[in-house]
Structure formats: C-alpha cells, structure tokens
Amino acid sequence: MTPPAYDDRYGRDVLAADPHARTHPRKVHREEPAVGGLVVEDVETGWVGAVVRVEKSGGVHVVVLEDARGRTRTFPLGPGFWVDGQPVRLVAPRAAAPVRPTRTASGSVAVAGAAARTARASRILVEGRHDAELVEKVWGDDLRVEGVVVELLEGVDDLDAAVRSFAPGPGRRIGVLVDHLVAGSKESRIVAAVAKSPHVLVVGHPFVDVWQAVRPERLGWKAWPTIPRGTSWKHGVLAELGWPHATQADVASGWKRILGTVRSYADLEPALLGRVEELVDFVTADAADR
C-alpha cells in the first residue's frame, strides 16, 4: 500500500545540506599600500584614523594611525582593515624612485651631473659662520658649479685690512656681504672706505643679524620679536622661542634649528636674496676683467 503523500516543508532529509555552508565566494582582500593620509578602519577595534607612517617594530612592520582627535595607535600590517567600506590587506608602500631635482635651492636650473668647477681666484666674503652656512644651504650648488669660494670675514671691523690683503684686481674680484648695512651705521662708514675699487663690491642687508633673513613664518611668528637694548639679540630670540639660551653652545644649537627650517630661497627675505645674487653675478663676471 502506497503511503499517503504529505507536505514536508523541512525536506526529506534535514541533514542533507549544511545550513552554515557559504553560498557566496569569500571576499578577496585587495592589497592597499599604507600611504600617508590614507583613512583606514581597524575591523577588530573599530579604530578609524589616517596613516601617519609605516615603521618596523619588534621585527614586524606596523602602521601608525591618527584619529580625528590627534590620538595615535599602532597596528600590524596585513589583513583586518577597511578602506572605503572594502576589506583590504595593508602593505608597506613601495619606495618611490629618487626624483632628480630640476631646480637648486636658490631657484636656479639644476645642472645634472655637473662636477664642481676649479675654484676661481675671485671670492665672496661674509661676516660670520652663520652667514656662510645660510649661503651654502641655499646657493651651495650654484657656487660649486661656478667655482666660487665663500670665506669668513669674522666681523666687519677689519674689512679694510682683509681687502688689502686679498689684493683685488683683474680676474681677482672680491664681493663682501655685510650685516646691518644701513645709513649712518658703523658698518656704512667702514664700507665707504673700501668700496672704491672696480674689483670690489660690498653689499649689505638691513637685518640686525643674518638670522632675521629667515622668514619669521618658518618659526611660527608673524614678525621677529623686538629684543630690549642691553640683551644679547640672539639670546633674546632663543628665549622668545623657549629654547635653551644660556651658553654659546645653546646659541649654536639654536641656529642649527633655525637653519633647519630653511628649505629654499622661498624661506628667505628678498632683502638678502637680492644681495647674494648680486655678489654671485659680480664675482662670476671676472672674465670681463681679463
């Protein structure tokens, strides 16, 4: 006898199919380079932040994320992240190929592969080490291509003796950069006594010190502070910055930090830029003297 038919909504064999089996293919985590600024969510913790950097810690690569409040957390690179709502596997970004600069720090066209030229007889003199270091940072590439040497004057008081000792003449020009060269100053009187030869050019900037030629915005200021009379100007500036300023070593260290903010000519005041360019043009035109 045939058994009666009936509707079994659960099917003939409830164990024939695995209710937990995946009916859709597993999502593939695409690789995503952890480049700076990429906004990422850590799936496990829900932390959302922008990539600050990738570094190696404890033998593994990790990514540092910064959230909207400026807080940072570190996570190991790999899977477990979301980017734009999609699962990704964070990987270290590939190192970019070095880009050859097309401009020097002074804004001149960079000469690729150019060797330093044999030094000219002509020279540029600057008052002190800080002046020389600033000129080197911005114009160093240009000066090497042109074969121009920058020497220290160690103060303007002995300018006349330095010029006479150099013995300028045809093919042997001397250009001098003087600090705080303003009308009626001691420096202006000294310069007037030596700037009579066609082979000598003395120019100056109006700043108390070459430090002031760095745009104050590089230090977070709108203008350089006014330092009271009787206070060492450099020590006073460092005090305003909240940096150590008690010793000469502190001054040297402070200058290194200020110099470190200078990236190119754009970080310097035009009153210095024009004078240095004028000196470079003058001493590299010495062939006209021959």
C-alpha atoms as a PDB file:
ATOM      1  CA  MET A   1       0.000   0.000   0.000  1.00  0.00           C
ATOM      2  CA  THR A   2       1.370   3.381  -1.013  1.00  0.00           C
ATOM      3  CA  PRO A   3       1.894   5.718   1.953  1.00  0.00           C
ATOM      4  CA  PRO A   4      -0.143   8.879   1.824  1.00  0.00           C
ATOM      5  CA  ALA A   5       1.609  11.998   0.397  1.00  0.00           C
ATOM      6  CA  TYR A   6       2.080  14.931   2.674  1.00  0.00           C
ATOM      7  CA  ASP A   7       3.862  18.298   2.523  1.00  0.00           C
ATOM      8  CA  ASP A   8       7.195  18.234   4.389  1.00  0.00           C
ATOM      9  CA  ARG A   9       8.344  21.804   4.484  1.00  0.00           C
ATOM     10  CA  TYR A  10      11.658  20.768   6.032  1.00  0.00           C
ATOM     11  CA  GLY A  11      12.547  18.405   3.200  1.00  0.00           C
ATOM     12  CA  ARG A  12      13.058  14.706   3.172  1.00  0.00           C
ATOM     13  CA  ASP A  13      16.493  14.794   4.865  1.00  0.00           C
ATOM     14  CA  VAL A  14      17.162  17.670   7.226  1.00  0.00           C
ATOM     15  CA  LEU A  15      20.833  16.684   7.449  1.00  0.00           C
ATOM     16  CA  ALA A  16      21.427  16.545   3.693  1.00  0.00           C
ATOM     17  CA  ALA A  17      22.534  20.182   3.475  1.00  0.00           C
ATOM     18  CA  ASP A  18      24.857  22.228   5.691  1.00  0.00           C
ATOM     19  CA  PRO A  19      22.927  25.358   6.742  1.00  0.00           C
ATOM     20  CA  HIS A  20      26.247  27.082   7.588  1.00  0.00           C
ATOM     21  CA  ALA A  21      27.829  26.472   4.215  1.00  0.00           C
ATOM     22  CA  ARG A  22      28.815  29.680   2.299  1.00  0.00           C
ATOM     23  CA  THR A  23      26.577  30.381  -0.646  1.00  0.00           C
ATOM     24  CA  HIS A  24      28.814  33.221  -1.896  1.00  0.00           C
ATOM     25  CA  PRO A  25      32.507  33.202  -2.683  1.00  0.00           C
ATOM     26  CA  ARG A  26      34.838  34.536   0.036  1.00  0.00           C
ATOM     27  CA  LYS A  27      35.774  38.182  -0.432  1.00  0.00           C
ATOM     28  CA  VAL A  28      39.355  38.678  -1.518  1.00  0.00           C
ATOM     29  CA  HIS A  29      41.284  41.307   0.457  1.00  0.00           C
ATOM     30  CA  ARG A  30      42.996  43.508  -2.071  1.00  0.00           C
ATOM     31  CA  GLU A  31      46.406  44.892  -1.195  1.00  0.00           C
ATOM     32  CA  GLU A  32      46.371  48.560  -0.248  1.00  0.00           C
ATOM     33  CA  PRO A  33      49.662  50.477   0.210  1.00  0.00           C
ATOM     34  CA  ALA A  34      49.640  52.289   3.572  1.00  0.00           C
ATOM     35  CA  VAL A  35      50.482  55.704   2.177  1.00  0.00           C
ATOM     36  CA  GLY A  36      50.410  58.783   4.361  1.00  0.00           C
ATOM     37  CA  GLY A  37      46.931  60.278   4.790  1.00  0.00           C
ATOM     38  CA  LEU A  38      45.013  57.120   3.802  1.00  0.00           C
ATOM     39  CA  VAL A  39      41.951  56.769   6.086  1.00  0.00           C
ATOM     40  CA  VAL A  40      41.700  53.230   7.474  1.00  0.00           C
ATOM     41  CA  GLU A  41      39.410  51.373   9.894  1.00  0.00           C
ATOM     42  CA  ASP A  42      40.719  48.526  12.019  1.00  0.00           C
ATOM     43  CA  VAL A  43      37.950  45.919  11.907  1.00  0.00           C
ATOM     44  CA  GLU A  44      38.657  44.379  15.304  1.00  0.00           C
ATOM     45  CA  THR A  45      38.719  47.565  17.372  1.00  0.00           C
ATOM     46  CA  GLY A  46      36.752  49.952  15.166  1.00  0.00           C
ATOM     47  CA  TRP A  47      39.600  52.483  15.327  1.00  0.00           C
ATOM     48  CA  VAL A  48      39.467  54.887  12.393  1.00  0.00           C
ATOM     49  CA  GLY A  49      42.463  57.009  11.546  1.00  0.00           C
ATOM     50  CA  ALA A  50      44.731  58.351   8.847  1.00  0.00           C
ATOM     51  CA  VAL A  51      48.054  56.682   8.134  1.00  0.00           C
ATOM     52  CA  VAL A  52      50.884  58.660   9.713  1.00  0.00           C
ATOM     53  CA  ARG A  53      53.764  56.343   8.885  1.00  0.00           C
ATOM     54  CA  VAL A  54      54.868  52.752   8.459  1.00  0.00           C
ATOM     55  CA  GLU A  55      57.766  51.555  10.567  1.00  0.00           C
ATOM     56  CA  LYS A  56      59.428  48.406  11.830  1.00  0.00           C
ATOM     57  CA  SER A  57      58.806  47.448  15.462  1.00  0.00           C
ATOM     58  CA  GLY A  58      59.832  44.200  17.117  1.00  0.00           C
ATOM     59  CA  GLY A  59      60.846  42.730  13.789  1.00  0.00           C
ATOM     60  CA  VAL A  60      57.482  43.345  12.089  1.00  0.00           C
ATOM     61  CA  HIS A  61      56.123  46.220  10.041  1.00  0.00           C
ATOM     62  CA  VAL A  62      53.413  48.256  11.703  1.00  0.00           C
ATOM     63  CA  VAL A  63      51.247  51.174  10.659  1.00  0.00           C
ATOM     64  CA  VAL A  64      50.583  54.200  12.869  1.00  0.00           C
ATOM     65  CA  LEU A  65      47.077  55.649  12.579  1.00  0.00           C
ATOM     66  CA  GLU A  66      45.955  59.055  13.873  1.00  0.00           C
ATOM     67  CA  ASP A  67      42.295  59.686  14.632  1.00  0.00           C
ATOM     68  CA  ALA A  68      40.342  62.941  14.339  1.00  0.00           C
ATOM     69  CA  ARG A  69      41.384  63.971  17.870  1.00  0.00           C
ATOM     70  CA  GLY A  70      45.070  63.605  17.137  1.00  0.00           C
ATOM     71  CA  ARG A  71      45.453  60.346  19.081  1.00  0.00           C
ATOM     72  CA  THR A  72      47.607  57.621  17.555  1.00  0.00           C
ATOM     73  CA  ARG A  73      47.583  53.817  17.694  1.00  0.00           C
ATOM     74  CA  THR A  74      49.817  51.213  16.127  1.00  0.00           C
ATOM     75  CA  PHE A  75      48.617  48.097  14.269  1.00  0.00           C
ATOM     76  CA  PRO A  76      50.498  45.327  12.478  1.00  0.00           C
ATOM     77  CA  LEU A  77      50.328  45.479   8.700  1.00  0.00           C
ATOM     78  CA  GLY A  78      48.242  42.820   6.974  1.00  0.00           C
ATOM     79  CA  PRO A  79      44.537  41.943   6.721  1.00  0.00           C
ATOM     80  CA  GLY A  80      41.833  43.185   9.065  1.00  0.00           C
ATOM     81  CA  PHE A  81      41.322  46.709   7.735  1.00  0.00           C
ATOM     82  CA  TRP A  82      38.636  48.506   5.787  1.00  0.00           C
ATOM     83  CA  VAL A  83      39.173  51.286   3.266  1.00  0.00           C
ATOM     84  CA  ASP A  84      36.112  52.940   1.714  1.00  0.00           C
ATOM     85  CA  GLY A  85      33.938  50.120   3.034  1.00  0.00           C
ATOM     86  CA  GLN A  86      36.011  47.385   1.440  1.00  0.00           C
ATOM     87  CA  PRO A  87      38.239  44.819   3.182  1.00  0.00           C
ATOM     88  CA  VAL A  88      41.919  45.345   2.426  1.00  0.00           C
ATOM     89  CA  ARG A  89      45.301  43.975   3.305  1.00  0.00           C
ATOM     90  CA  LEU A  90      47.554  46.876   4.265  1.00  0.00           C
ATOM     91  CA  VAL A  91      51.071  46.609   2.887  1.00  0.00           C
ATOM     92  CA  ALA A  92      54.117  48.846   3.159  1.00  0.00           C
ATOM     93  CA  PRO A  93      54.216  51.369   0.304  1.00  0.00           C
ATOM     94  CA  ARG A  94      56.925  50.875  -2.261  1.00  0.00           C
ATOM     95  CA  ALA A  95      59.822  53.272  -2.027  1.00  0.00           C
ATOM     96  CA  ALA A  96      59.493  55.886  -4.725  1.00  0.00           C
ATOM     97  CA  ALA A  97      62.295  56.149  -7.217  1.00  0.00           C
ATOM     98  CA  PRO A  98      64.512  59.139  -6.436  1.00  0.00           C
ATOM     99  CA  VAL A  99      63.490  62.197  -8.400  1.00  0.00           C
ATOM    100  CA  ARG A 100      66.305  64.284  -9.749  1.00  0.00           C
ATOM    101  CA  PRO A 101      65.702  67.928  -8.750  1.00  0.00           C
ATOM    102  CA  THR A 102      65.207  70.319 -11.632  1.00  0.00           C
ATOM    103  CA  ARG A 103      65.930  73.383  -9.506  1.00  0.00           C
ATOM    104  CA  THR A 104      68.534  74.149  -6.886  1.00  0.00           C
ATOM    105  CA  ALA A 105      67.588  75.607  -3.503  1.00  0.00           C
ATOM    106  CA  SER A 106      68.300  79.058  -4.926  1.00  0.00           C
ATOM    107  CA  GLY A 107      65.772  78.533  -7.731  1.00  0.00           C
ATOM    108  CA  SER A 108      68.390  78.104 -10.465  1.00  0.00           C
ATOM    109  CA  VAL A 109      68.127  75.362 -13.058  1.00  0.00           C
ATOM    110  CA  ALA A 110      69.940  72.294 -11.683  1.00  0.00           C
ATOM    111  CA  VAL A 111      72.843  71.102 -13.823  1.00  0.00           C
ATOM    112  CA  ALA A 112      72.642  67.299 -13.773  1.00  0.00           C
ATOM    113  CA  GLY A 113      75.947  65.519 -13.281  1.00  0.00           C
ATOM    114  CA  ALA A 114      77.970  68.723 -13.187  1.00  0.00           C
ATOM    115  CA  ALA A 115      81.263  68.442 -11.342  1.00  0.00           C
ATOM    116  CA  ALA A 116      82.473  71.234  -9.095  1.00  0.00           C
ATOM    117  CA  ARG A 117      84.467  73.767 -11.078  1.00  0.00           C
ATOM    118  CA  THR A 118      88.035  74.578 -10.140  1.00  0.00           C
ATOM    119  CA  ALA A 119      87.888  77.490  -7.722  1.00  0.00           C
ATOM    120  CA  ARG A 120      88.123  80.959  -9.196  1.00  0.00           C
ATOM    121  CA  ALA A 121      90.560  83.496  -7.867  1.00  0.00           C
ATOM    122  CA  SER A 122      87.588  85.702  -7.012  1.00  0.00           C
ATOM    123  CA  ARG A 123      85.946  85.251  -3.610  1.00  0.00           C
ATOM    124  CA  ILE A 124      82.844  86.135  -1.610  1.00  0.00           C
ATOM    125  CA  LEU A 125      83.424  87.203   2.000  1.00  0.00           C
ATOM    126  CA  VAL A 126      80.737  87.002   4.667  1.00  0.00           C
ATOM    127  CA  GLU A 127      80.871  88.269   8.223  1.00  0.00           C
ATOM    128  CA  GLY A 128      80.461  85.049  10.167  1.00  0.00           C
ATOM    129  CA  ARG A 129      79.866  81.320  10.219  1.00  0.00           C
ATOM    130  CA  HIS A 130      76.083  81.605  10.304  1.00  0.00           C
ATOM    131  CA  ASP A 131      76.121  83.765   7.168  1.00  0.00           C
ATOM    132  CA  ALA A 132      78.351  81.210   5.446  1.00  0.00           C
ATOM    133  CA  GLU A 133      76.126  78.285   6.432  1.00  0.00           C
ATOM    134  CA  LEU A 134      72.985  80.006   5.172  1.00  0.00           C
ATOM    135  CA  VAL A 135      74.641  80.923   1.861  1.00  0.00           C
ATOM    136  CA  GLU A 136      75.890  77.349   1.488  1.00  0.00           C
ATOM    137  CA  LYS A 137      72.452  75.848   2.153  1.00  0.00           C
ATOM    138  CA  VAL A 138      70.666  77.942  -0.459  1.00  0.00           C
ATOM    139  CA  TRP A 139      73.376  78.780  -3.023  1.00  0.00           C
ATOM    140  CA  GLY A 140      75.887  75.977  -2.437  1.00  0.00           C
ATOM    141  CA  ASP A 141      75.075  74.010  -5.610  1.00  0.00           C
ATOM    142  CA  ASP A 142      75.314  77.139  -7.741  1.00  0.00           C
ATOM    143  CA  LEU A 143      78.592  78.238  -6.182  1.00  0.00           C
ATOM    144  CA  ARG A 144      80.225  74.852  -6.788  1.00  0.00           C
ATOM    145  CA  VAL A 145      79.185  74.879 -10.440  1.00  0.00           C
ATOM    146  CA  GLU A 146      80.597  78.406 -10.775  1.00  0.00           C
ATOM    147  CA  GLY A 147      83.751  77.683  -8.797  1.00  0.00           C
ATOM    148  CA  VAL A 148      83.083  80.387  -6.192  1.00  0.00           C
ATOM    149  CA  VAL A 149      84.515  80.023  -2.693  1.00  0.00           C
ATOM    150  CA  VAL A 150      82.889  81.702   0.323  1.00  0.00           C
ATOM    151  CA  GLU A 151      85.272  82.766   3.091  1.00  0.00           C
ATOM    152  CA  LEU A 152      84.702  84.101   6.600  1.00  0.00           C
ATOM    153  CA  LEU A 153      85.494  87.699   7.384  1.00  0.00           C
ATOM    154  CA  GLU A 154      84.965  87.214  11.166  1.00  0.00           C
ATOM    155  CA  GLY A 155      83.444  90.651  11.606  1.00  0.00           C
ATOM    156  CA  VAL A 156      83.413  93.833   9.562  1.00  0.00           C
ATOM    157  CA  ASP A 157      85.823  95.883  11.699  1.00  0.00           C
ATOM    158  CA  ASP A 158      88.869  94.548   9.813  1.00  0.00           C
ATOM    159  CA  LEU A 159      87.299  94.786   6.370  1.00  0.00           C
ATOM    160  CA  ASP A 160      89.846  97.288   5.056  1.00  0.00           C
ATOM    161  CA  ALA A 161      92.779  95.065   6.056  1.00  0.00           C
ATOM    162  CA  ALA A 162      91.081  91.985   4.604  1.00  0.00           C
ATOM    163  CA  VAL A 163      90.500  93.678   1.251  1.00  0.00           C
ATOM    164  CA  ARG A 164      94.069  94.984   1.030  1.00  0.00           C
ATOM    165  CA  SER A 165      95.402  91.533   1.950  1.00  0.00           C
ATOM    166  CA  PHE A 166      93.340  89.940  -0.795  1.00  0.00           C
ATOM    167  CA  ALA A 167      94.782  92.381  -3.351  1.00  0.00           C
ATOM    168  CA  PRO A 168      91.808  92.537  -5.752  1.00  0.00           C
ATOM    169  CA  GLY A 169      92.473  93.227  -9.409  1.00  0.00           C
ATOM    170  CA  PRO A 170      91.632  91.995 -12.910  1.00  0.00           C
ATOM    171  CA  GLY A 171      90.331  88.406 -12.711  1.00  0.00           C
ATOM    172  CA  ARG A 172      90.503  88.579  -8.923  1.00  0.00           C
ATOM    173  CA  ARG A 173      87.321  90.174  -7.666  1.00  0.00           C
ATOM    174  CA  ILE A 174      86.057  90.263  -4.128  1.00  0.00           C
ATOM    175  CA  GLY A 175      82.420  90.534  -3.066  1.00  0.00           C
ATOM    176  CA  VAL A 176      81.510  91.221   0.560  1.00  0.00           C
ATOM    177  CA  LEU A 177      78.201  90.655   2.376  1.00  0.00           C
ATOM    178  CA  VAL A 178      77.782  92.877   5.437  1.00  0.00           C
ATOM    179  CA  ASP A 179      75.157  92.586   8.191  1.00  0.00           C
ATOM    180  CA  HIS A 180      73.065  95.586   9.235  1.00  0.00           C
ATOM    181  CA  LEU A 181      74.294  97.879   6.476  1.00  0.00           C
ATOM    182  CA  VAL A 182      72.071 100.925   6.985  1.00  0.00           C
ATOM    183  CA  ALA A 183      72.732 104.640   6.565  1.00  0.00           C
ATOM    184  CA  GLY A 184      74.645 106.226   9.418  1.00  0.00           C
ATOM    185  CA  SER A 185      75.755 102.933  10.959  1.00  0.00           C
ATOM    186  CA  LYS A 186      79.314 101.974  11.844  1.00  0.00           C
ATOM    187  CA  GLU A 187      79.171  99.399   9.081  1.00  0.00           C
ATOM    188  CA  SER A 188      78.286 102.013   6.454  1.00  0.00           C
ATOM    189  CA  ARG A 189      81.344 104.107   7.358  1.00  0.00           C
ATOM    190  CA  ILE A 190      83.678 101.114   7.155  1.00  0.00           C
ATOM    191  CA  VAL A 191      82.263 100.070   3.789  1.00  0.00           C
ATOM    192  CA  ALA A 192      82.628 103.562   2.345  1.00  0.00           C
ATOM    193  CA  ALA A 193      86.365 103.381   2.986  1.00  0.00           C
ATOM    194  CA  VAL A 194      86.930 100.215   0.931  1.00  0.00           C
ATOM    195  CA  ALA A 195      84.289 100.219  -1.810  1.00  0.00           C
ATOM    196  CA  LYS A 196      86.285 102.354  -4.244  1.00  0.00           C
ATOM    197  CA  SER A 197      87.888  99.715  -6.471  1.00  0.00           C
ATOM    198  CA  PRO A 198      86.033  98.409  -9.544  1.00  0.00           C
ATOM    199  CA  HIS A 199      87.156  94.955  -8.453  1.00  0.00           C
ATOM    200  CA  VAL A 200      85.437  95.230  -5.062  1.00  0.00           C
ATOM    201  CA  LEU A 201      81.700  95.089  -4.386  1.00  0.00           C
ATOM    202  CA  VAL A 202      80.333  95.449  -0.861  1.00  0.00           C
ATOM    203  CA  VAL A 203      76.610  94.941  -0.319  1.00  0.00           C
ATOM    204  CA  GLY A 204      74.597  94.529   2.826  1.00  0.00           C
ATOM    205  CA  HIS A 205      71.231  93.653   4.256  1.00  0.00           C
ATOM    206  CA  PRO A 206      69.300  95.684   6.846  1.00  0.00           C
ATOM    207  CA  PHE A 207      68.901  92.909   9.429  1.00  0.00           C
ATOM    208  CA  VAL A 208      70.496  93.028  12.867  1.00  0.00           C
ATOM    209  CA  ASP A 209      71.756  89.505  12.211  1.00  0.00           C
ATOM    210  CA  VAL A 210      71.520  87.114   9.293  1.00  0.00           C
ATOM    211  CA  TRP A 211      69.054  85.067  11.398  1.00  0.00           C
ATOM    212  CA  GLN A 212      66.456  87.718  10.590  1.00  0.00           C
ATOM    213  CA  ALA A 213      66.805  86.967   6.885  1.00  0.00           C
ATOM    214  CA  VAL A 214      64.854  83.746   7.549  1.00  0.00           C
ATOM    215  CA  ARG A 215      61.155  84.425   7.152  1.00  0.00           C
ATOM    216  CA  PRO A 216      59.583  84.526  10.640  1.00  0.00           C
ATOM    217  CA  GLU A 217      56.736  82.286   9.476  1.00  0.00           C
ATOM    218  CA  ARG A 218      59.214  79.402   9.432  1.00  0.00           C
ATOM    219  CA  LEU A 219      59.355  79.745  13.231  1.00  0.00           C
ATOM    220  CA  GLY A 220      55.644  80.297  13.733  1.00  0.00           C
ATOM    221  CA  TRP A 221      55.873  84.080  14.028  1.00  0.00           C
ATOM    222  CA  LYS A 222      54.371  86.922  12.030  1.00  0.00           C
ATOM    223  CA  ALA A 223      57.457  89.026  12.743  1.00  0.00           C
ATOM    224  CA  TRP A 224      60.758  88.642  14.526  1.00  0.00           C
ATOM    225  CA  PRO A 225      60.497  89.779  18.167  1.00  0.00           C
ATOM    226  CA  THR A 226      61.923  93.071  19.366  1.00  0.00           C
ATOM    227  CA  ILE A 227      64.729  92.375  21.820  1.00  0.00           C
ATOM    228  CA  PRO A 228      65.282  95.041  24.524  1.00  0.00           C
ATOM    229  CA  ARG A 229      68.517  97.029  24.455  1.00  0.00           C
ATOM    230  CA  GLY A 230      71.134  95.553  26.717  1.00  0.00           C
ATOM    231  CA  THR A 231      70.055  91.993  25.922  1.00  0.00           C
ATOM    232  CA  SER A 232      72.062  89.882  23.504  1.00  0.00           C
ATOM    233  CA  TRP A 233      69.891  89.744  20.402  1.00  0.00           C
ATOM    234  CA  LYS A 234      70.462  86.052  19.681  1.00  0.00           C
ATOM    235  CA  HIS A 235      69.997  85.021  23.306  1.00  0.00           C
ATOM    236  CA  GLY A 236      66.810  87.086  23.429  1.00  0.00           C
ATOM    237  CA  VAL A 237      65.437  85.429  20.302  1.00  0.00           C
ATOM    238  CA  LEU A 238      66.108  81.951  21.666  1.00  0.00           C
ATOM    239  CA  ALA A 239      64.400  82.904  24.923  1.00  0.00           C
ATOM    240  CA  GLU A 240      61.333  84.041  22.960  1.00  0.00           C
ATOM    241  CA  LEU A 241      61.308  80.661  21.216  1.00  0.00           C
ATOM    242  CA  GLY A 242      61.520  78.890  24.560  1.00  0.00           C
ATOM    243  CA  TRP A 243      64.788  77.226  23.559  1.00  0.00           C
ATOM    244  CA  PRO A 244      67.950  76.916  25.691  1.00  0.00           C
ATOM    245  CA  HIS A 245      69.885  80.188  25.503  1.00  0.00           C
ATOM    246  CA  ALA A 246      72.291  80.410  28.443  1.00  0.00           C
ATOM    247  CA  THR A 247      75.532  79.490  26.669  1.00  0.00           C
ATOM    248  CA  GLN A 248      77.249  79.942  23.326  1.00  0.00           C
ATOM    249  CA  ALA A 249      76.641  76.250  22.696  1.00  0.00           C
ATOM    250  CA  ASP A 250      72.916  76.962  23.098  1.00  0.00           C
ATOM    251  CA  VAL A 251      73.205  79.735  20.502  1.00  0.00           C
ATOM    252  CA  ALA A 252      74.968  77.395  18.068  1.00  0.00           C
ATOM    253  CA  SER A 253      72.321  74.721  18.614  1.00  0.00           C
ATOM    254  CA  GLY A 254      69.510  77.253  18.212  1.00  0.00           C
ATOM    255  CA  TRP A 255      70.931  78.459  14.921  1.00  0.00           C
ATOM    256  CA  LYS A 256      71.090  74.883  13.633  1.00  0.00           C
ATOM    257  CA  ARG A 257      67.389  74.518  14.387  1.00  0.00           C
ATOM    258  CA  ILE A 258      66.571  77.798  12.640  1.00  0.00           C
ATOM    259  CA  LEU A 259      68.714  76.878   9.646  1.00  0.00           C
ATOM    260  CA  GLY A 260      66.915  73.544   9.519  1.00  0.00           C
ATOM    261  CA  THR A 261      63.638  75.351   8.751  1.00  0.00           C
ATOM    262  CA  VAL A 262      65.110  76.800   5.556  1.00  0.00           C
ATOM    263  CA  ARG A 263      64.239  74.652   2.535  1.00  0.00           C
ATOM    264  CA  SER A 264      64.956  77.039  -0.323  1.00  0.00           C
ATOM    265  CA  TYR A 265      65.206  80.678  -1.323  1.00  0.00           C
ATOM    266  CA  ALA A 266      61.447  80.979  -0.727  1.00  0.00           C
ATOM    267  CA  ASP A 267      62.109  80.846   3.028  1.00  0.00           C
ATOM    268  CA  LEU A 268      64.396  83.895   2.946  1.00  0.00           C
ATOM    269  CA  GLU A 269      63.642  87.600   2.818  1.00  0.00           C
ATOM    270  CA  PRO A 270      64.106  89.363  -0.552  1.00  0.00           C
ATOM    271  CA  ALA A 271      66.470  91.877   1.091  1.00  0.00           C
ATOM    272  CA  LEU A 272      69.040  89.081   1.468  1.00  0.00           C
ATOM    273  CA  LEU A 273      68.233  87.184  -1.725  1.00  0.00           C
ATOM    274  CA  GLY A 274      68.931  90.149  -3.974  1.00  0.00           C
ATOM    275  CA  ARG A 275      72.229  90.977  -2.306  1.00  0.00           C
ATOM    276  CA  VAL A 276      73.647  87.459  -2.525  1.00  0.00           C
ATOM    277  CA  GLU A 277      72.586  87.102  -6.164  1.00  0.00           C
ATOM    278  CA  GLU A 278      74.293  90.436  -6.860  1.00  0.00           C
ATOM    279  CA  LEU A 279      77.545  89.178  -5.334  1.00  0.00           C
ATOM    280  CA  VAL A 280      77.441  85.895  -7.252  1.00  0.00           C
ATOM    281  CA  ASP A 281      76.910  87.767 -10.527  1.00  0.00           C
ATOM    282  CA  PHE A 282      79.763  90.153  -9.705  1.00  0.00           C
ATOM    283  CA  VAL A 283      82.429  87.562  -8.897  1.00  0.00           C
ATOM    284  CA  THR A 284      81.463  85.248 -11.773  1.00  0.00           C
ATOM    285  CA  ALA A 285      81.786  88.090 -14.272  1.00  0.00           C
ATOM    286  CA  ASP A 286      85.519  88.356 -13.539  1.00  0.00           C
ATOM    287  CA  ALA A 287      86.377  87.160 -17.074  1.00  0.00           C
ATOM    288  CA  ALA A 288      85.418  90.649 -18.217  1.00  0.00           C
ATOM    289  CA  ASP A 289      88.408  91.972 -16.249  1.00  0.00           C
ATOM    290  CA  ARG A 290      90.914  89.997 -18.304  1.00  0.00           C
END
